[in-house]
Amino acid sequence: MRHSRRVSGITNLSLNSIDVLSGLDTVKICVAYDLDGQRIDYYPASLEQLKRCKPIYEELPGWSEDITGVRNLEDLPENARNYVRRVSELVGVRISTFSVGPGREQTNILESVWS
């Protein structure tokens, strides 16, 4: 996602379907790559380098609660809120929306980017 931010200039992000993470003991976020024994925090420029990369994960505690009815960030379980915040920190953009299921009413707007 950091690569997408760099090349596209995005300022906000939508996290979709975070409900599918419910029930996981830990949630992994790729924060860097190991390229031939060297840690890099950028997306490799060539496919040859990318083939040799191994992801380096940060592990966050998961959550077991059903979040499909959540309508506010504050109502998410603490570990889910921490996940949303950590993605925002790592990517360097604000989270504008998050969804907790496939329904339109399950998309939660935190910050309108259209006004």
PDB file of N, CA and C in Angstrom:
ATOM      1  N   MET A   1       0.816  -1.184   0.000  1.00  0.00           N
ATOM      2  CA  MET A   1       0.000   0.000   0.000  1.00  0.00           C
ATOM      3  C   MET A   1       0.865   1.255   0.000  1.00  0.00           C
ATOM      4  N   ARG A   2       2.015   1.188   0.663  1.00  0.00           N
ATOM      5  CA  ARG A   2       2.899   2.368   0.634  1.00  0.00           C
ATOM      6  C   ARG A   2       3.335   2.653  -0.788  1.00  0.00           C
ATOM      7  N   HIS A   3       3.591   1.590  -1.558  1.00  0.00           N
ATOM      8  CA  HIS A   3       3.988   1.771  -2.954  1.00  0.00           C
ATOM      9  C   HIS A   3       2.867   2.457  -3.732  1.00  0.00           C
ATOM     10  N   SER A   4       1.643   2.016  -3.527  1.00  0.00           N
ATOM     11  CA  SER A   4       0.498   2.643  -4.202  1.00  0.00           C
ATOM     12  C   SER A   4       0.374   4.109  -3.821  1.00  0.00           C
ATOM     13  N   ARG A   5       0.620   4.406  -2.548  1.00  0.00           N
ATOM     14  CA  ARG A   5       0.557   5.800  -2.110  1.00  0.00           C
ATOM     15  C   ARG A   5       1.608   6.632  -2.834  1.00  0.00           C
ATOM     16  N   ARG A   6       2.818   6.095  -2.946  1.00  0.00           N
ATOM     17  CA  ARG A   6       3.901   6.834  -3.603  1.00  0.00           C
ATOM     18  C   ARG A   6       3.612   7.093  -5.072  1.00  0.00           C
ATOM     19  N   VAL A   7       3.167   6.067  -5.789  1.00  0.00           N
ATOM     20  CA  VAL A   7       2.998   6.223  -7.234  1.00  0.00           C
ATOM     21  C   VAL A   7       1.684   6.885  -7.612  1.00  0.00           C
ATOM     22  N   SER A   8       0.672   6.784  -6.762  1.00  0.00           N
ATOM     23  CA  SER A   8      -0.638   7.340  -7.095  1.00  0.00           C
ATOM     24  C   SER A   8      -0.952   8.630  -6.361  1.00  0.00           C
ATOM     25  N   GLY A   9      -0.212   8.910  -5.309  1.00  0.00           N
ATOM     26  CA  GLY A   9      -0.470  10.130  -4.552  1.00  0.00           C
ATOM     27  C   GLY A   9      -1.746  10.086  -3.735  1.00  0.00           C
ATOM     28  N   ILE A  10      -2.180   8.900  -3.322  1.00  0.00           N
ATOM     29  CA  ILE A  10      -3.413   8.815  -2.540  1.00  0.00           C
ATOM     30  C   ILE A  10      -3.227   9.495  -1.189  1.00  0.00           C
ATOM     31  N   THR A  11      -4.308  10.046  -0.688  1.00  0.00           N
ATOM     32  CA  THR A  11      -4.271  10.721   0.613  1.00  0.00           C
ATOM     33  C   THR A  11      -5.182  10.043   1.624  1.00  0.00           C
ATOM     34  N   ASN A  12      -6.066   9.194   1.147  1.00  0.00           N
ATOM     35  CA  ASN A  12      -7.015   8.494   2.012  1.00  0.00           C
ATOM     36  C   ASN A  12      -7.140   7.055   1.538  1.00  0.00           C
ATOM     37  N   LEU A  13      -7.592   6.201   2.456  1.00  0.00           N
ATOM     38  CA  LEU A  13      -7.694   4.780   2.158  1.00  0.00           C
ATOM     39  C   LEU A  13      -9.012   4.242   2.681  1.00  0.00           C
ATOM     40  N   SER A  14      -9.560   3.270   1.981  1.00  0.00           N
ATOM     41  CA  SER A  14     -10.747   2.560   2.435  1.00  0.00           C
ATOM     42  C   SER A  14     -10.339   1.127   2.759  1.00  0.00           C
ATOM     43  N   LEU A  15     -10.630   0.698   3.975  1.00  0.00           N
ATOM     44  CA  LEU A  15     -10.359  -0.688   4.371  1.00  0.00           C
ATOM     45  C   LEU A  15     -11.653  -1.473   4.240  1.00  0.00           C
ATOM     46  N   ASN A  16     -11.672  -2.405   3.333  1.00  0.00           N
ATOM     47  CA  ASN A  16     -12.883  -3.168   3.061  1.00  0.00           C
ATOM     48  C   ASN A  16     -12.816  -4.565   3.666  1.00  0.00           C
ATOM     49  N   SER A  17     -13.965  -5.047   4.085  1.00  0.00           N
ATOM     50  CA  SER A  17     -14.144  -6.430   4.545  1.00  0.00           C
ATOM     51  C   SER A  17     -13.250  -6.807   5.718  1.00  0.00           C
ATOM     52  N   ILE A  18     -13.089  -5.902   6.677  1.00  0.00           N
ATOM     53  CA  ILE A  18     -12.258  -6.274   7.827  1.00  0.00           C
ATOM     54  C   ILE A  18     -12.951  -7.325   8.692  1.00  0.00           C
ATOM     55  N   ASP A  19     -14.233  -7.556   8.444  1.00  0.00           N
ATOM     56  CA  ASP A  19     -14.951  -8.608   9.175  1.00  0.00           C
ATOM     57  C   ASP A  19     -14.361  -9.992   8.918  1.00  0.00           C
ATOM     58  N   VAL A  20     -13.734 -10.194   7.759  1.00  0.00           N
ATOM     59  CA  VAL A  20     -13.173 -11.513   7.456  1.00  0.00           C
ATOM     60  C   VAL A  20     -11.959 -11.824   8.333  1.00  0.00           C
ATOM     61  N   LEU A  21     -11.433 -10.816   9.015  1.00  0.00           N
ATOM     62  CA  LEU A  21     -10.296 -11.032   9.914  1.00  0.00           C
ATOM     63  C   LEU A  21     -10.735 -11.478  11.305  1.00  0.00           C
ATOM     64  N   SER A  22     -12.030 -11.334  11.603  1.00  0.00           N
ATOM     65  CA  SER A  22     -12.539 -11.778  12.907  1.00  0.00           C
ATOM     66  C   SER A  22     -12.291 -13.270  13.071  1.00  0.00           C
ATOM     67  N   GLY A  23     -11.860 -13.647  14.257  1.00  0.00           N
ATOM     68  CA  GLY A  23     -11.601 -15.052  14.537  1.00  0.00           C
ATOM     69  C   GLY A  23     -10.150 -15.462  14.373  1.00  0.00           C
ATOM     70  N   LEU A  24      -9.333 -14.576  13.805  1.00  0.00           N
ATOM     71  CA  LEU A  24      -7.910 -14.890  13.690  1.00  0.00           C
ATOM     72  C   LEU A  24      -7.217 -14.575  15.012  1.00  0.00           C
ATOM     73  N   ASP A  25      -6.327 -15.448  15.432  1.00  0.00           N
ATOM     74  CA  ASP A  25      -5.569 -15.196  16.664  1.00  0.00           C
ATOM     75  C   ASP A  25      -4.638 -14.007  16.501  1.00  0.00           C
ATOM     76  N   THR A  26      -4.009 -13.928  15.326  1.00  0.00           N
ATOM     77  CA  THR A  26      -3.142 -12.796  15.005  1.00  0.00           C
ATOM     78  C   THR A  26      -3.456 -12.326  13.594  1.00  0.00           C
ATOM     79  N   VAL A  27      -3.226 -11.054  13.362  1.00  0.00           N
ATOM     80  CA  VAL A  27      -3.407 -10.465  12.036  1.00  0.00           C
ATOM     81  C   VAL A  27      -2.033  -9.986  11.582  1.00  0.00           C
ATOM     82  N   LYS A  28      -1.611 -10.468  10.431  1.00  0.00           N
ATOM     83  CA  LYS A  28      -0.287 -10.112   9.919  1.00  0.00           C
ATOM     84  C   LYS A  28      -0.392  -8.959   8.926  1.00  0.00           C
ATOM     85  N   ILE A  29       0.557  -8.042   9.034  1.00  0.00           N
ATOM     86  CA  ILE A  29       0.676  -6.938   8.085  1.00  0.00           C
ATOM     87  C   ILE A  29       2.105  -6.977   7.551  1.00  0.00           C
ATOM     88  N   CYS A  30       2.253  -7.028   6.236  1.00  0.00           N
ATOM     89  CA  CYS A  30       3.591  -6.999   5.648  1.00  0.00           C
ATOM     90  C   CYS A  30       4.135  -5.577   5.789  1.00  0.00           C
ATOM     91  N   VAL A  31       5.280  -5.449   6.462  1.00  0.00           N
ATOM     92  CA  VAL A  31       5.852  -4.122   6.720  1.00  0.00           C
ATOM     93  C   VAL A  31       7.152  -3.884   5.962  1.00  0.00           C
ATOM     94  N   ALA A  32       7.739  -4.942   5.420  1.00  0.00           N
ATOM     95  CA  ALA A  32       8.996  -4.826   4.682  1.00  0.00           C
ATOM     96  C   ALA A  32       9.231  -6.144   3.952  1.00  0.00           C
ATOM     97  N   TYR A  33      10.359  -6.202   3.258  1.00  0.00           N
ATOM     98  CA  TYR A  33      10.746  -7.417   2.555  1.00  0.00           C
ATOM     99  C   TYR A  33      12.185  -7.762   2.895  1.00  0.00           C
ATOM    100  N   ASP A  34      12.488  -9.053   2.864  1.00  0.00           N
ATOM    101  CA  ASP A  34      13.865  -9.520   2.953  1.00  0.00           C
ATOM    102  C   ASP A  34      14.296  -9.829   1.529  1.00  0.00           C
ATOM    103  N   LEU A  35      15.272  -9.085   1.043  1.00  0.00           N
ATOM    104  CA  LEU A  35      15.798  -9.281  -0.304  1.00  0.00           C
ATOM    105  C   LEU A  35      17.256  -9.711  -0.172  1.00  0.00           C
ATOM    106  N   ASP A  36      17.485 -10.985  -0.384  1.00  0.00           N
ATOM    107  CA  ASP A  36      18.844 -11.535  -0.307  1.00  0.00           C
ATOM    108  C   ASP A  36      19.517 -11.202   1.020  1.00  0.00           C
ATOM    109  N   GLY A  37      18.760 -11.320   2.119  1.00  0.00           N
ATOM    110  CA  GLY A  37      19.315 -11.075   3.441  1.00  0.00           C
ATOM    111  C   GLY A  37      19.310  -9.625   3.885  1.00  0.00           C
ATOM    112  N   GLN A  38      18.825  -8.727   3.045  1.00  0.00           N
ATOM    113  CA  GLN A  38      18.767  -7.306   3.394  1.00  0.00           C
ATOM    114  C   GLN A  38      17.306  -6.883   3.532  1.00  0.00           C
ATOM    115  N   ARG A  39      16.998  -6.183   4.607  1.00  0.00           N
ATOM    116  CA  ARG A  39      15.638  -5.680   4.825  1.00  0.00           C
ATOM    117  C   ARG A  39      15.435  -4.417   3.990  1.00  0.00           C
ATOM    118  N   ILE A  40      14.367  -4.436   3.190  1.00  0.00           N
ATOM    119  CA  ILE A  40      14.010  -3.242   2.416  1.00  0.00           C
ATOM    120  C   ILE A  40      12.568  -2.878   2.760  1.00  0.00           C
ATOM    121  N   ASP A  41      12.271  -1.588   2.786  1.00  0.00           N
ATOM    122  CA  ASP A  41      10.914  -1.158   3.133  1.00  0.00           C
ATOM    123  C   ASP A  41      10.204  -0.522   1.944  1.00  0.00           C
ATOM    124  N   TYR A  42      10.600  -0.935   0.763  1.00  0.00           N
ATOM    125  CA  TYR A  42       9.975  -0.439  -0.462  1.00  0.00           C
ATOM    126  C   TYR A  42       9.689  -1.624  -1.378  1.00  0.00           C
ATOM    127  N   TYR A  43       8.807  -1.392  -2.328  1.00  0.00           N
ATOM    128  CA  TYR A  43       8.454  -2.416  -3.302  1.00  0.00           C
ATOM    129  C   TYR A  43       9.566  -2.477  -4.345  1.00  0.00           C
ATOM    130  N   PRO A  44      10.140  -3.647  -4.598  1.00  0.00           N
ATOM    131  CA  PRO A  44      11.248  -3.744  -5.549  1.00  0.00           C
ATOM    132  C   PRO A  44      10.857  -3.273  -6.948  1.00  0.00           C
ATOM    133  N   ALA A  45      11.826  -2.697  -7.625  1.00  0.00           N
ATOM    134  CA  ALA A  45      11.569  -2.132  -8.952  1.00  0.00           C
ATOM    135  C   ALA A  45      11.496  -3.198 -10.041  1.00  0.00           C
ATOM    136  N   SER A  46      12.168  -4.320  -9.840  1.00  0.00           N
ATOM    137  CA  SER A  46      12.186  -5.332 -10.898  1.00  0.00           C
ATOM    138  C   SER A  46      11.498  -6.615 -10.444  1.00  0.00           C
ATOM    139  N   LEU A  47      10.955  -7.327 -11.411  1.00  0.00           N
ATOM    140  CA  LEU A  47      10.323  -8.610 -11.115  1.00  0.00           C
ATOM    141  C   LEU A  47      11.341  -9.629 -10.615  1.00  0.00           C
ATOM    142  N   GLU A  48      12.556  -9.541 -11.105  1.00  0.00           N
ATOM    143  CA  GLU A  48      13.606 -10.460 -10.649  1.00  0.00           C
ATOM    144  C   GLU A  48      13.875 -10.272  -9.166  1.00  0.00           C
ATOM    145  N   GLN A  49      13.931  -9.021  -8.712  1.00  0.00           N
ATOM    146  CA  GLN A  49      14.113  -8.765  -7.281  1.00  0.00           C
ATOM    147  C   GLN A  49      12.888  -9.219  -6.498  1.00  0.00           C
ATOM    148  N   LEU A  50      11.718  -8.928  -7.021  1.00  0.00           N
ATOM    149  CA  LEU A  50      10.482  -9.287  -6.335  1.00  0.00           C
ATOM    150  C   LEU A  50      10.391 -10.798  -6.115  1.00  0.00           C
ATOM    151  N   LYS A  51      10.823 -11.570  -7.087  1.00  0.00           N
ATOM    152  CA  LYS A  51      10.800 -13.032  -6.961  1.00  0.00           C
ATOM    153  C   LYS A  51      11.643 -13.517  -5.788  1.00  0.00           C
ATOM    154  N   ARG A  52      12.685 -12.777  -5.458  1.00  0.00           N
ATOM    155  CA  ARG A  52      13.590 -13.185  -4.383  1.00  0.00           C
ATOM    156  C   ARG A  52      13.183 -12.630  -3.021  1.00  0.00           C
ATOM    157  N   CYS A  53      12.161 -11.820  -2.996  1.00  0.00           N
ATOM    158  CA  CYS A  53      11.727 -11.194  -1.742  1.00  0.00           C
ATOM    159  C   CYS A  53      10.900 -12.148  -0.889  1.00  0.00           C
ATOM    160  N   LYS A  54      11.105 -12.021   0.407  1.00  0.00           N
ATOM    161  CA  LYS A  54      10.263 -12.717   1.383  1.00  0.00           C
ATOM    162  C   LYS A  54       9.639 -11.642   2.263  1.00  0.00           C
ATOM    163  N   PRO A  55       8.334 -11.726   2.498  1.00  0.00           N
ATOM    164  CA  PRO A  55       7.685 -10.698   3.318  1.00  0.00           C
ATOM    165  C   PRO A  55       8.143 -10.755   4.772  1.00  0.00           C
ATOM    166  N   ILE A  56       8.228  -9.591   5.371  1.00  0.00           N
ATOM    167  CA  ILE A  56       8.486  -9.459   6.805  1.00  0.00           C
ATOM    168  C   ILE A  56       7.197  -8.924   7.411  1.00  0.00           C
ATOM    169  N   TYR A  57       6.653  -9.659   8.355  1.00  0.00           N
ATOM    170  CA  TYR A  57       5.353  -9.316   8.920  1.00  0.00           C
ATOM    171  C   TYR A  57       5.459  -8.707  10.309  1.00  0.00           C
ATOM    172  N   GLU A  58       4.549  -7.807  10.570  1.00  0.00           N
ATOM    173  CA  GLU A  58       4.274  -7.362  11.930  1.00  0.00           C
ATOM    174  C   GLU A  58       2.992  -8.079  12.323  1.00  0.00           C
ATOM    175  N   GLU A  59       2.984  -8.680  13.489  1.00  0.00           N
ATOM    176  CA  GLU A  59       1.797  -9.410  13.934  1.00  0.00           C
ATOM    177  C   GLU A  59       1.082  -8.625  15.014  1.00  0.00           C
ATOM    178  N   LEU A  60      -0.209  -8.450  14.814  1.00  0.00           N
ATOM    179  CA  LEU A  60      -1.062  -7.773  15.786  1.00  0.00           C
ATOM    180  C   LEU A  60      -2.028  -8.790  16.384  1.00  0.00           C
ATOM    181  N   PRO A  61      -2.441  -8.601  17.619  1.00  0.00           N
ATOM    182  CA  PRO A  61      -3.436  -9.503  18.202  1.00  0.00           C
ATOM    183  C   PRO A  61      -4.747  -9.426  17.422  1.00  0.00           C
ATOM    184  N   GLY A  62      -5.352 -10.576  17.191  1.00  0.00           N
ATOM    185  CA  GLY A  62      -6.633 -10.614  16.491  1.00  0.00           C
ATOM    186  C   GLY A  62      -7.792 -10.350  17.432  1.00  0.00           C
ATOM    187  N   TRP A  63      -8.995 -10.565  16.924  1.00  0.00           N
ATOM    188  CA  TRP A  63     -10.211 -10.387  17.716  1.00  0.00           C
ATOM    189  C   TRP A  63     -11.198 -11.470  17.317  1.00  0.00           C
ATOM    190  N   SER A  64     -12.061 -11.822  18.239  1.00  0.00           N
ATOM    191  CA  SER A  64     -13.003 -12.912  17.987  1.00  0.00           C
ATOM    192  C   SER A  64     -14.436 -12.425  17.827  1.00  0.00           C
ATOM    193  N   GLU A  65     -14.680 -11.182  18.168  1.00  0.00           N
ATOM    194  CA  GLU A  65     -16.050 -10.659  18.141  1.00  0.00           C
ATOM    195  C   GLU A  65     -16.593 -10.548  16.714  1.00  0.00           C
ATOM    196  N   ASP A  66     -17.909 -10.704  16.599  1.00  0.00           N
ATOM    197  CA  ASP A  66     -18.607 -10.464  15.335  1.00  0.00           C
ATOM    198  C   ASP A  66     -18.733  -8.953  15.176  1.00  0.00           C
ATOM    199  N   ILE A  67     -18.153  -8.407  14.120  1.00  0.00           N
ATOM    200  CA  ILE A  67     -18.170  -6.953  13.940  1.00  0.00           C
ATOM    201  C   ILE A  67     -19.087  -6.510  12.806  1.00  0.00           C
ATOM    202  N   THR A  68     -19.879  -7.433  12.267  1.00  0.00           N
ATOM    203  CA  THR A  68     -20.693  -7.104  11.091  1.00  0.00           C
ATOM    204  C   THR A  68     -21.768  -6.055  11.369  1.00  0.00           C
ATOM    205  N   GLY A  69     -22.086  -5.806  12.632  1.00  0.00           N
ATOM    206  CA  GLY A  69     -23.081  -4.791  12.962  1.00  0.00           C
ATOM    207  C   GLY A  69     -22.488  -3.468  13.411  1.00  0.00           C
ATOM    208  N   VAL A  70     -21.171  -3.359  13.404  1.00  0.00           N
ATOM    209  CA  VAL A  70     -20.503  -2.142  13.882  1.00  0.00           C
ATOM    210  C   VAL A  70     -20.731  -0.987  12.909  1.00  0.00           C
ATOM    211  N   ARG A  71     -21.045   0.179  13.447  1.00  0.00           N
ATOM    212  CA  ARG A  71     -21.296   1.361  12.618  1.00  0.00           C
ATOM    213  C   ARG A  71     -20.365   2.534  12.933  1.00  0.00           C
ATOM    214  N   ASN A  72     -19.517   2.380  13.943  1.00  0.00           N
ATOM    215  CA  ASN A  72     -18.574   3.434  14.313  1.00  0.00           C
ATOM    216  C   ASN A  72     -17.235   2.807  14.659  1.00  0.00           C
ATOM    217  N   LEU A  73     -16.167   3.517  14.377  1.00  0.00           N
ATOM    218  CA  LEU A  73     -14.837   3.019  14.703  1.00  0.00           C
ATOM    219  C   LEU A  73     -14.713   2.704  16.186  1.00  0.00           C
ATOM    220  N   GLU A  74     -15.302   3.543  17.023  1.00  0.00           N
ATOM    221  CA  GLU A  74     -15.210   3.365  18.474  1.00  0.00           C
ATOM    222  C   GLU A  74     -15.878   2.076  18.944  1.00  0.00           C
ATOM    223  N   ASP A  75     -16.811   1.542  18.144  1.00  0.00           N
ATOM    224  CA  ASP A  75     -17.524   0.323  18.527  1.00  0.00           C
ATOM    225  C   ASP A  75     -16.795  -0.957  18.120  1.00  0.00           C
ATOM    226  N   LEU A  76     -15.722  -0.823  17.344  1.00  0.00           N
ATOM    227  CA  LEU A  76     -14.926  -2.001  17.007  1.00  0.00           C
ATOM    228  C   LEU A  76     -14.215  -2.501  18.259  1.00  0.00           C
ATOM    229  N   PRO A  77     -13.944  -3.795  18.345  1.00  0.00           N
ATOM    230  CA  PRO A  77     -13.116  -4.288  19.446  1.00  0.00           C
ATOM    231  C   PRO A  77     -11.760  -3.564  19.422  1.00  0.00           C
ATOM    232  N   GLU A  78     -11.152  -3.445  20.569  1.00  0.00           N
ATOM    233  CA  GLU A  78      -9.892  -2.698  20.677  1.00  0.00           C
ATOM    234  C   GLU A  78      -8.840  -3.181  19.679  1.00  0.00           C
ATOM    235  N   ASN A  79      -8.695  -4.493  19.524  1.00  0.00           N
ATOM    236  CA  ASN A  79      -7.679  -5.016  18.607  1.00  0.00           C
ATOM    237  C   ASN A  79      -7.995  -4.680  17.152  1.00  0.00           C
ATOM    238  N   ALA A  80      -9.268  -4.622  16.794  1.00  0.00           N
ATOM    239  CA  ALA A  80      -9.651  -4.228  15.434  1.00  0.00           C
ATOM    240  C   ALA A  80      -9.350  -2.746  15.218  1.00  0.00           C
ATOM    241  N   ARG A  81      -9.656  -1.917  16.213  1.00  0.00           N
ATOM    242  CA  ARG A  81      -9.314  -0.481  16.117  1.00  0.00           C
ATOM    243  C   ARG A  81      -7.807  -0.302  15.971  1.00  0.00           C
ATOM    244  N   ASN A  82      -7.050  -1.070  16.732  1.00  0.00           N
ATOM    245  CA  ASN A  82      -5.590  -0.982  16.640  1.00  0.00           C
ATOM    246  C   ASN A  82      -5.097  -1.376  15.252  1.00  0.00           C
ATOM    247  N   TYR A  83      -5.740  -2.373  14.646  1.00  0.00           N
ATOM    248  CA  TYR A  83      -5.390  -2.786  13.285  1.00  0.00           C
ATOM    249  C   TYR A  83      -5.635  -1.639  12.304  1.00  0.00           C
ATOM    250  N   VAL A  84      -6.803  -1.027  12.369  1.00  0.00           N
ATOM    251  CA  VAL A  84      -7.137   0.081  11.470  1.00  0.00           C
ATOM    252  C   VAL A  84      -6.125   1.214  11.643  1.00  0.00           C
ATOM    253  N   ARG A  85      -5.837   1.561  12.872  1.00  0.00           N
ATOM    254  CA  ARG A  85      -4.877   2.648  13.139  1.00  0.00           C
ATOM    255  C   ARG A  85      -3.475   2.304  12.642  1.00  0.00           C
ATOM    256  N   ARG A  86      -3.075   1.050  12.829  1.00  0.00           N
ATOM    257  CA  ARG A  86      -1.725   0.653  12.414  1.00  0.00           C
ATOM    258  C   ARG A  86      -1.582   0.683  10.900  1.00  0.00           C
ATOM    259  N   VAL A  87      -2.594   0.247  10.179  1.00  0.00           N
ATOM    260  CA  VAL A  87      -2.545   0.331   8.716  1.00  0.00           C
ATOM    261  C   VAL A  87      -2.394   1.790   8.301  1.00  0.00           C
ATOM    262  N   SER A  88      -3.159   2.671   8.919  1.00  0.00           N
ATOM    263  CA  SER A  88      -3.060   4.097   8.615  1.00  0.00           C
ATOM    264  C   SER A  88      -1.648   4.618   8.867  1.00  0.00           C
ATOM    265  N   GLU A  89      -1.068   4.250   9.999  1.00  0.00           N
ATOM    266  CA  GLU A  89       0.295   4.687  10.332  1.00  0.00           C
ATOM    267  C   GLU A  89       1.316   4.166   9.326  1.00  0.00           C
ATOM    268  N   LEU A  90       1.221   2.898   8.997  1.00  0.00           N
ATOM    269  CA  LEU A  90       2.204   2.291   8.103  1.00  0.00           C
ATOM    270  C   LEU A  90       2.132   2.851   6.689  1.00  0.00           C
ATOM    271  N   VAL A  91       0.916   3.081   6.210  1.00  0.00           N
ATOM    272  CA  VAL A  91       0.753   3.584   4.849  1.00  0.00           C
ATOM    273  C   VAL A  91       0.992   5.090   4.797  1.00  0.00           C
ATOM    274  N   GLY A  92       0.693   5.771   5.894  1.00  0.00           N
ATOM    275  CA  GLY A  92       0.898   7.215   5.939  1.00  0.00           C
ATOM    276  C   GLY A  92      -0.252   8.009   5.361  1.00  0.00           C
ATOM    277  N   VAL A  93      -1.452   7.426   5.401  1.00  0.00           N
ATOM    278  CA  VAL A  93      -2.658   8.127   4.941  1.00  0.00           C
ATOM    279  C   VAL A  93      -3.779   7.900   5.945  1.00  0.00           C
ATOM    280  N   ARG A  94      -4.792   8.740   5.849  1.00  0.00           N
ATOM    281  CA  ARG A  94      -5.956   8.590   6.724  1.00  0.00           C
ATOM    282  C   ARG A  94      -6.876   7.491   6.190  1.00  0.00           C
ATOM    283  N   ILE A  95      -7.544   6.806   7.098  1.00  0.00           N
ATOM    284  CA  ILE A  95      -8.566   5.832   6.721  1.00  0.00           C
ATOM    285  C   ILE A  95      -9.883   6.596   6.658  1.00  0.00           C
ATOM    286  N   SER A  96     -10.483   6.653   5.479  1.00  0.00           N
ATOM    287  CA  SER A  96     -11.731   7.401   5.296  1.00  0.00           C
ATOM    288  C   SER A  96     -12.963   6.547   5.509  1.00  0.00           C
ATOM    289  N   THR A  97     -12.871   5.279   5.121  1.00  0.00           N
ATOM    290  CA  THR A  97     -13.999   4.366   5.296  1.00  0.00           C
ATOM    291  C   THR A  97     -13.469   2.986   5.679  1.00  0.00           C
ATOM    292  N   PHE A  98     -14.329   2.234   6.356  1.00  0.00           N
ATOM    293  CA  PHE A  98     -14.035   0.825   6.595  1.00  0.00           C
ATOM    294  C   PHE A  98     -15.346   0.073   6.476  1.00  0.00           C
ATOM    295  N   SER A  99     -15.259  -1.154   5.966  1.00  0.00           N
ATOM    296  CA  SER A  99     -16.477  -1.950   5.855  1.00  0.00           C
ATOM    297  C   SER A  99     -16.342  -3.212   6.692  1.00  0.00           C
ATOM    298  N   VAL A 100     -17.493  -3.655   7.186  1.00  0.00           N
ATOM    299  CA  VAL A 100     -17.545  -4.830   8.059  1.00  0.00           C
ATOM    300  C   VAL A 100     -18.460  -5.906   7.477  1.00  0.00           C
ATOM    301  N   GLY A 101     -18.631  -5.874   6.169  1.00  0.00           N
ATOM    302  CA  GLY A 101     -19.468  -6.845   5.489  1.00  0.00           C
ATOM    303  C   GLY A 101     -19.771  -6.384   4.078  1.00  0.00           C
ATOM    304  N   PRO A 102     -20.510  -7.198   3.320  1.00  0.00           N
ATOM    305  CA  PRO A 102     -20.769  -6.893   1.916  1.00  0.00           C
ATOM    306  C   PRO A 102     -21.867  -5.858   1.680  1.00  0.00           C
ATOM    307  N   GLY A 103     -22.689  -5.596   2.671  1.00  0.00           N
ATOM    308  CA  GLY A 103     -23.807  -4.674   2.476  1.00  0.00           C
ATOM    309  C   GLY A 103     -23.392  -3.215   2.462  1.00  0.00           C
ATOM    310  N   ARG A 104     -24.131  -2.436   1.695  1.00  0.00           N
ATOM    311  CA  ARG A 104     -23.863  -1.002   1.615  1.00  0.00           C
ATOM    312  C   ARG A 104     -23.914  -0.355   2.996  1.00  0.00           C
ATOM    313  N   GLU A 105     -24.856  -0.805   3.815  1.00  0.00           N
ATOM    314  CA  GLU A 105     -25.013  -0.244   5.162  1.00  0.00           C
ATOM    315  C   GLU A 105     -23.875  -0.660   6.091  1.00  0.00           C
ATOM    316  N   GLN A 106     -23.039  -1.572   5.641  1.00  0.00           N
ATOM    317  CA  GLN A 106     -21.903  -2.019   6.450  1.00  0.00           C
ATOM    318  C   GLN A 106     -20.611  -1.260   6.125  1.00  0.00           C
ATOM    319  N   THR A 107     -20.732  -0.261   5.267  1.00  0.00           N
ATOM    320  CA  THR A 107     -19.603   0.623   4.981  1.00  0.00           C
ATOM    321  C   THR A 107     -19.734   1.849   5.861  1.00  0.00           C
ATOM    322  N   ASN A 108     -18.710   2.112   6.616  1.00  0.00           N
ATOM    323  CA  ASN A 108     -18.711   3.192   7.597  1.00  0.00           C
ATOM    324  C   ASN A 108     -17.803   4.320   7.131  1.00  0.00           C
ATOM    325  N   ILE A 109     -18.346   5.521   7.056  1.00  0.00           N
ATOM    326  CA  ILE A 109     -17.578   6.684   6.620  1.00  0.00           C
ATOM    327  C   ILE A 109     -17.008   7.383   7.847  1.00  0.00           C
ATOM    328  N   LEU A 110     -15.700   7.476   7.900  1.00  0.00           N
ATOM    329  CA  LEU A 110     -15.020   8.162   8.993  1.00  0.00           C
ATOM    330  C   LEU A 110     -14.742   9.616   8.636  1.00  0.00           C
ATOM    331  N   GLU A 111     -14.451   9.829   7.365  1.00  0.00           N
ATOM    332  CA  GLU A 111     -14.097  11.160   6.889  1.00  0.00           C
ATOM    333  C   GLU A 111     -14.528  11.255   5.430  1.00  0.00           C
ATOM    334  N   SER A 112     -15.365  12.216   5.124  1.00  0.00           N
ATOM    335  CA  SER A 112     -15.824  12.369   3.748  1.00  0.00           C
ATOM    336  C   SER A 112     -14.720  12.982   2.898  1.00  0.00           C
ATOM    337  N   VAL A 113     -14.413  12.334   1.815  1.00  0.00           N
ATOM    338  CA  VAL A 113     -13.417  12.873   0.886  1.00  0.00           C
ATOM    339  C   VAL A 113     -14.095  13.573  -0.285  1.00  0.00           C
ATOM    340  N   TRP A 114     -15.427  13.630  -0.253  1.00  0.00           N
ATOM    341  CA  TRP A 114     -16.173  14.225  -1.351  1.00  0.00           C
ATOM    342  C   TRP A 114     -16.675  15.622  -1.041  1.00  0.00           C
ATOM    343  N   SER A 115     -16.386  16.128   0.136  1.00  0.00           N
ATOM    344  CA  SER A 115     -16.897  17.465   0.450  1.00  0.00           C
ATOM    345  C   SER A 115     -15.779  18.462   0.567  1.00  0.00           C
TER     346      SER A 115
END
